C-alpha atoms as a PDB file:
ATOM      1  CA  MET A   1      92.606 113.998 161.774  1.00  0.00           C
ATOM      2  CA  PHE A   2      95.891 114.439 164.063  1.00  0.00           C
ATOM      3  CA  LEU A   3      97.591 116.043 161.166  1.00  0.00           C
ATOM      4  CA  ASP A   4      94.662 118.375 160.708  1.00  0.00           C
ATOM      5  CA  ARG A   5      95.122 119.684 163.880  1.00  0.00           C
ATOM      6  CA  LEU A   6      99.264 119.571 163.817  1.00  0.00           C
ATOM      7  CA  PHE A   7      99.461 121.824 160.541  1.00  0.00           C
ATOM      8  CA  ARG A   8      95.899 123.934 161.563  1.00  0.00           C
ATOM      9  CA  PRO A   9      97.183 127.501 161.953  1.00  0.00           C
ATOM     10  CA  ARG A  10      96.750 128.688 165.552  1.00  0.00           C
ATOM     11  CA  PRO A  11      93.661 131.235 165.953  1.00  0.00           C
ATOM     12  CA  ALA A  12      95.977 133.969 166.783  1.00  0.00           C
ATOM     13  CA  GLN A  13      97.620 133.515 163.439  1.00  0.00           C
ATOM     14  CA  THR A  14      94.448 133.133 161.936  1.00  0.00           C
ATOM     15  CA  ALA A  15      92.932 136.542 163.566  1.00  0.00           C
ATOM     16  CA  GLY A  16      96.368 138.574 162.793  1.00  0.00           C
ATOM     17  CA  ARG A  17      96.377 137.828 159.290  1.00  0.00           C
ATOM     18  CA  ALA A  18      92.698 138.800 159.134  1.00  0.00           C
ATOM     19  CA  LEU A  19      93.576 141.682 160.770  1.00  0.00           C
ATOM     20  CA  TYR A  20      96.032 142.739 158.300  1.00  0.00           C
ATOM     21  CA  ALA A  21      93.838 142.123 155.878  1.00  0.00           C
ATOM     22  CA  ALA A  22      91.047 144.252 157.106  1.00  0.00           C
ATOM     23  CA  VAL A  23      94.144 147.160 157.103  1.00  0.00           C
ATOM     24  CA  VAL A  24      94.990 146.535 153.702  1.00  0.00           C
ATOM     25  CA  ALA A  25      91.291 147.280 152.920  1.00  0.00           C
ATOM     26  CA  GLN A  26      90.792 150.123 154.997  1.00  0.00           C
ATOM     27  CA  ALA A  27      93.929 151.790 153.704  1.00  0.00           C
ATOM     28  CA  ARG A  28      92.655 151.477 150.149  1.00  0.00           C
ATOM     29  CA  GLU A  29      89.844 153.194 150.890  1.00  0.00           C
ATOM     30  CA  PRO A  30      89.416 155.904 148.173  1.00  0.00           C
ATOM     31  CA  LEU A  31      88.263 158.505 150.352  1.00  0.00           C
ATOM     32  CA  LEU A  32      91.428 158.876 152.482  1.00  0.00           C
ATOM     33  CA  TYR A  33      92.908 159.930 148.866  1.00  0.00           C
ATOM     34  CA  SER A  34      90.359 162.169 147.574  1.00  0.00           C
ATOM     35  CA  ASP A  35      88.528 163.504 150.644  1.00  0.00           C
ATOM     36  CA  CYS A  36      91.563 163.771 152.764  1.00  0.00           C
ATOM     37  CA  GLY A  37      94.212 164.152 150.082  1.00  0.00           C
ATOM     38  CA  ALA A  38      96.668 161.551 151.251  1.00  0.00           C
ATOM     39  CA  PRO A  39      99.047 161.236 148.463  1.00  0.00           C
ATOM     40  CA  ASP A  40      98.576 158.089 146.215  1.00  0.00           C
ATOM     41  CA  THR A  41     102.104 157.008 146.060  1.00  0.00           C
ATOM     42  CA  VAL A  42     104.214 154.247 147.627  1.00  0.00           C
ATOM     43  CA  GLU A  43     105.189 156.625 150.245  1.00  0.00           C
ATOM     44  CA  GLY A  44     101.563 157.817 151.025  1.00  0.00           C
ATOM     45  CA  ARG A  45     100.339 154.073 150.719  1.00  0.00           C
ATOM     46  CA  PHE A  46     103.181 152.896 153.093  1.00  0.00           C
ATOM     47  CA  GLU A  47     101.947 155.891 155.616  1.00  0.00           C
ATOM     48  CA  LEU A  48      98.408 154.908 155.347  1.00  0.00           C
ATOM     49  CA  TYR A  49      98.936 150.892 156.021  1.00  0.00           C
ATOM     50  CA  SER A  50     101.536 151.650 158.833  1.00  0.00           C
ATOM     51  CA  LEU A  51      98.850 153.961 160.449  1.00  0.00           C
ATOM     52  CA  HIS A  52      95.893 151.308 160.304  1.00  0.00           C
ATOM     53  CA  VAL A  53      98.631 148.954 161.765  1.00  0.00           C
ATOM     54  CA  VAL A  54      99.492 151.171 164.586  1.00  0.00           C
ATOM     55  CA  LEU A  55      95.843 152.106 165.376  1.00  0.00           C
ATOM     56  CA  LEU A  56      95.165 148.227 165.794  1.00  0.00           C
ATOM     57  CA  LEU A  57      98.522 147.653 168.006  1.00  0.00           C
ATOM     58  CA  ASP A  58      97.337 150.801 169.989  1.00  0.00           C
ATOM     59  CA  ARG A  59      93.970 148.917 170.829  1.00  0.00           C
ATOM     60  CA  LEU A  60      95.636 145.779 171.637  1.00  0.00           C
ATOM     61  CA  LYS A  61      98.323 146.967 173.502  1.00  0.00           C
ATOM     62  CA  ARG A  62      98.231 145.639 177.372  1.00  0.00           C
ATOM     63  CA  GLN A  63      95.089 143.619 176.716  1.00  0.00           C
ATOM     64  CA  GLY A  64      96.640 140.413 177.859  1.00  0.00           C
ATOM     65  CA  ALA A  65      98.379 137.141 176.530  1.00  0.00           C
ATOM     66  CA  VAL A  66      95.934 136.860 173.476  1.00  0.00           C
ATOM     67  CA  ALA A  67      95.836 140.137 172.434  1.00  0.00           C
ATOM     68  CA  ALA A  68      99.678 140.173 172.441  1.00  0.00           C
ATOM     69  CA  GLU A  69     100.009 137.151 170.674  1.00  0.00           C
ATOM     70  CA  VAL A  70      97.223 138.353 167.816  1.00  0.00           C
ATOM     71  CA  SER A  71      99.505 141.700 167.728  1.00  0.00           C
ATOM     72  CA  GLN A  72     102.644 139.958 166.967  1.00  0.00           C
ATOM     73  CA  VAL A  73     101.031 138.009 164.199  1.00  0.00           C
ATOM     74  CA  LEU A  74      99.574 141.453 162.766  1.00  0.00           C
ATOM     75  CA  PHE A  75     103.063 142.931 163.005  1.00  0.00           C
ATOM     76  CA  ASP A  76     104.664 139.781 161.299  1.00  0.00           C
ATOM     77  CA  THR A  77     102.694 139.784 158.659  1.00  0.00           C
ATOM     78  CA  TYR A  78     102.860 143.714 157.895  1.00  0.00           C
ATOM     79  CA  VAL A  79     106.630 142.988 157.743  1.00  0.00           C
ATOM     80  CA  ARG A  80     106.154 140.017 155.491  1.00  0.00           C
ATOM     81  CA  SER A  81     104.144 142.420 153.219  1.00  0.00           C
ATOM     82  CA  LEU A  82     106.531 144.776 153.043  1.00  0.00           C
ATOM     83  CA  ASP A  83     109.417 142.368 152.191  1.00  0.00           C
ATOM     84  CA  ASP A  84     107.315 140.867 149.620  1.00  0.00           C
ATOM     85  CA  ALA A  85     105.797 144.618 148.132  1.00  0.00           C
ATOM     86  CA  LEU A  86     109.876 145.433 147.684  1.00  0.00           C
ATOM     87  CA  ARG A  87     110.548 142.322 145.980  1.00  0.00           C
ATOM     88  CA  GLU A  88     107.585 143.081 143.761  1.00  0.00           C
ATOM     89  CA  MET A  89     109.019 146.289 142.934  1.00  0.00           C
ATOM     90  CA  GLY A  90     111.939 144.848 141.548  1.00  0.00           C
ATOM     91  CA  VAL A  91     114.669 145.732 144.842  1.00  0.00           C
ATOM     92  CA  GLY A  92     117.341 143.183 144.853  1.00  0.00           C
ATOM     93  CA  ASP A  93     117.985 140.461 147.398  1.00  0.00           C
ATOM     94  CA  LEU A  94     121.086 142.340 148.511  1.00  0.00           C
ATOM     95  CA  SER A  95     119.237 145.509 149.014  1.00  0.00           C
ATOM     96  CA  VAL A  96     116.009 144.116 150.659  1.00  0.00           C
ATOM     97  CA  GLY A  97     117.523 143.905 154.115  1.00  0.00           C
ATOM     98  CA  LYS A  98     118.850 147.274 153.859  1.00  0.00           C
ATOM     99  CA  LYS A  99     115.307 148.653 152.850  1.00  0.00           C
ATOM    100  CA  MET A 100     113.342 146.755 155.294  1.00  0.00           C
ATOM    101  CA  ARG A 101     115.809 147.965 158.294  1.00  0.00           C
ATOM    102  CA  LYS A 102     114.957 151.822 157.120  1.00  0.00           C
ATOM    103  CA  LEU A 103     111.439 150.853 156.940  1.00  0.00           C
ATOM    104  CA  GLY A 104     111.463 149.029 160.116  1.00  0.00           C
ATOM    105  CA  GLU A 105     112.984 152.297 161.958  1.00  0.00           C
ATOM    106  CA  ALA A 106     110.489 154.533 160.151  1.00  0.00           C
ATOM    107  CA  PHE A 107     107.610 152.115 161.377  1.00  0.00           C
ATOM    108  CA  TYR A 108     108.785 152.152 165.046  1.00  0.00           C
ATOM    109  CA  GLY A 109     109.336 156.056 164.613  1.00  0.00           C
ATOM    110  CA  ARG A 110     105.772 156.326 163.568  1.00  0.00           C
ATOM    111  CA  VAL A 111     104.804 154.313 166.577  1.00  0.00           C
ATOM    112  CA  LYS A 112     106.450 156.501 169.177  1.00  0.00           C
ATOM    113  CA  SER A 113     105.249 159.780 167.306  1.00  0.00           C
ATOM    114  CA  TYR A 114     101.666 158.375 167.028  1.00  0.00           C
ATOM    115  CA  GLU A 115     101.747 157.163 170.802  1.00  0.00           C
ATOM    116  CA  ALA A 116     103.017 160.816 171.667  1.00  0.00           C
ATOM    117  CA  ALA A 117     100.332 162.274 169.439  1.00  0.00           C
ATOM    118  CA  PHE A 118      97.757 159.999 171.115  1.00  0.00           C
ATOM    119  CA  ASP A 119      98.955 161.165 174.430  1.00  0.00           C
ATOM    120  CA  ALA A 120      98.404 164.842 173.872  1.00  0.00           C
ATOM    121  CA  LEU A 121      94.719 164.356 172.918  1.00  0.00           C
ATOM    122  CA  PRO A 122      92.317 166.397 172.952  1.00  0.00           C
ATOM    123  CA  ASP A 123      94.547 168.709 171.454  1.00  0.00           C
ATOM    124  CA  GLU A 124      95.080 167.722 167.849  1.00  0.00           C
ATOM    125  CA  THR A 125      97.881 169.657 166.987  1.00  0.00           C
ATOM    126  CA  ALA A 126     100.548 166.944 167.435  1.00  0.00           C
ATOM    127  CA  LEU A 127      98.573 164.467 165.410  1.00  0.00           C
ATOM    128  CA  GLN A 128      97.928 166.944 162.540  1.00  0.00           C
ATOM    129  CA  ALA A 129     101.708 167.957 162.624  1.00  0.00           C
ATOM    130  CA  LEU A 130     102.583 164.213 162.351  1.00  0.00           C
ATOM    131  CA  LEU A 131     100.318 163.823 159.428  1.00  0.00           C
ATOM    132  CA  VAL A 132     101.758 166.927 157.530  1.00  0.00           C
ATOM    133  CA  ARG A 133     105.502 165.624 158.263  1.00  0.00           C
ATOM    134  CA  THR A 134     104.769 161.945 157.320  1.00  0.00           C
ATOM    135  CA  VAL A 135     101.498 160.898 155.241  1.00  0.00           C
ATOM    136  CA  PHE A 136     101.859 164.459 153.483  1.00  0.00           C
ATOM    137  CA  ASP A 137     105.373 164.946 153.304  1.00  0.00           C
ATOM    138  CA  GLY A 138     105.774 167.643 151.284  1.00  0.00           C
ATOM    139  CA  ALA A 139     102.384 167.653 149.345  1.00  0.00           C
ATOM    140  CA  ASP A 140      99.486 169.821 150.100  1.00  0.00           C
ATOM    141  CA  ALA A 141      98.579 169.006 153.184  1.00  0.00           C
ATOM    142  CA  ALA A 142      95.232 170.651 152.899  1.00  0.00           C
ATOM    143  CA  GLY A 143      93.321 167.294 154.194  1.00  0.00           C
ATOM    144  CA  ALA A 144      95.188 167.160 157.426  1.00  0.00           C
ATOM    145  CA  PRO A 145      92.477 168.119 159.687  1.00  0.00           C
ATOM    146  CA  ARG A 146      90.233 165.784 157.733  1.00  0.00           C
ATOM    147  CA  LEU A 147      92.870 162.791 158.192  1.00  0.00           C
ATOM    148  CA  SER A 148      92.992 163.915 161.450  1.00  0.00           C
ATOM    149  CA  ALA A 149      89.354 163.523 162.081  1.00  0.00           C
ATOM    150  CA  TYR A 150      89.165 160.075 160.509  1.00  0.00           C
ATOM    151  CA  ILE A 151      92.016 158.803 162.837  1.00  0.00           C
ATOM    152  CA  LEU A 152      90.032 159.978 165.737  1.00  0.00           C
ATOM    153  CA  ALA A 153      86.939 158.093 164.544  1.00  0.00           C
ATOM    154  CA  GLN A 154      88.654 154.844 164.065  1.00  0.00           C
ATOM    155  CA  LYS A 155      90.569 155.169 167.266  1.00  0.00           C
ATOM    156  CA  ALA A 156      87.259 155.493 169.098  1.00  0.00           C
ATOM    157  CA  ALA A 157      85.322 152.941 167.068  1.00  0.00           C
ATOM    158  CA  LEU A 158      88.488 150.582 167.830  1.00  0.00           C
ATOM    159  CA  ALA A 159      88.222 151.491 171.693  1.00  0.00           C
ATOM    160  CA  ALA A 160      84.146 150.710 171.568  1.00  0.00           C
ATOM    161  CA  ALA A 161      84.971 147.179 169.851  1.00  0.00           C
ATOM    162  CA  PRO A 162      84.917 144.260 172.030  1.00  0.00           C
ATOM    163  CA  LEU A 163      88.045 142.629 172.510  1.00  0.00           C
ATOM    164  CA  ASP A 164      86.866 139.292 171.702  1.00  0.00           C
ATOM    165  CA  ALA A 165      85.813 140.538 168.336  1.00  0.00           C
ATOM    166  CA  LEU A 166      89.681 142.112 167.674  1.00  0.00           C
ATOM    167  CA  VAL A 167      91.365 138.866 168.851  1.00  0.00           C
ATOM    168  CA  ALA A 168      89.083 137.027 166.253  1.00  0.00           C
ATOM    169  CA  GLY A 169      90.165 138.955 163.343  1.00  0.00           C
ATOM    170  CA  THR A 170      87.302 141.038 163.016  1.00  0.00           C
ATOM    171  CA  VAL A 171      87.579 144.784 163.026  1.00  0.00           C
ATOM    172  CA  PRO A 172      84.685 146.951 163.098  1.00  0.00           C
ATOM    173  CA  TRP A 173      86.232 150.098 161.473  1.00  0.00           C
ATOM    174  CA  ALA A 174      84.167 153.236 161.604  1.00  0.00           C
ATOM    175  CA  ALA A 175      81.891 154.031 158.423  1.00  0.00           C
ATOM    176  CA  THR A 176      84.775 155.907 156.429  1.00  0.00           C
ATOM    177  CA  ALA A 177      82.009 158.738 154.772  1.00  0.00           C
ATOM    178  CA  GLY A 178      81.073 159.563 158.279  1.00  0.00           C
ATOM    179  CA  ALA A 179      84.517 159.524 159.586  1.00  0.00           C
ATOM    180  CA  VAL A 180      86.036 161.795 156.919  1.00  0.00           C
ATOM    181  CA  ALA A 181      83.280 164.175 156.828  1.00  0.00           C
END
């Protein structure tokens, strides 16, 4: 009984990991690639995973100690997943640290850029320019307006979601078909 409680993960750990699992499932949504035109590449997937993590971190920002703890677990799980993915792709142990540093810098840059783009809303120009520069990065960016609409729908769905549900690990994403249309 005592050992059960001692080794049971804290609720924030369980919730943060559940949020990351929800990010992974949502970032793999086929409509993001087919209808929005996001490149189905390692870089394109990194951008979509990062985007969804940013959306959740943005929603949980300044929502109290529990939300901060859940956010930290979400971020830590995201970073561990990136590390694991690099190793699975065959990156050697000596290079993983350097690549993780670059990915970390890229992620923090994305966070700042998304915050600036969100601050400029309802004007979507900055958001669409950010998507062209990051998600599409040289690929056909005709889907940028649809991806922008998708992001705004997800941002609205997260804003409407009860904080209790989010810190418990439940993410009520907007219906993807409706968000992309």
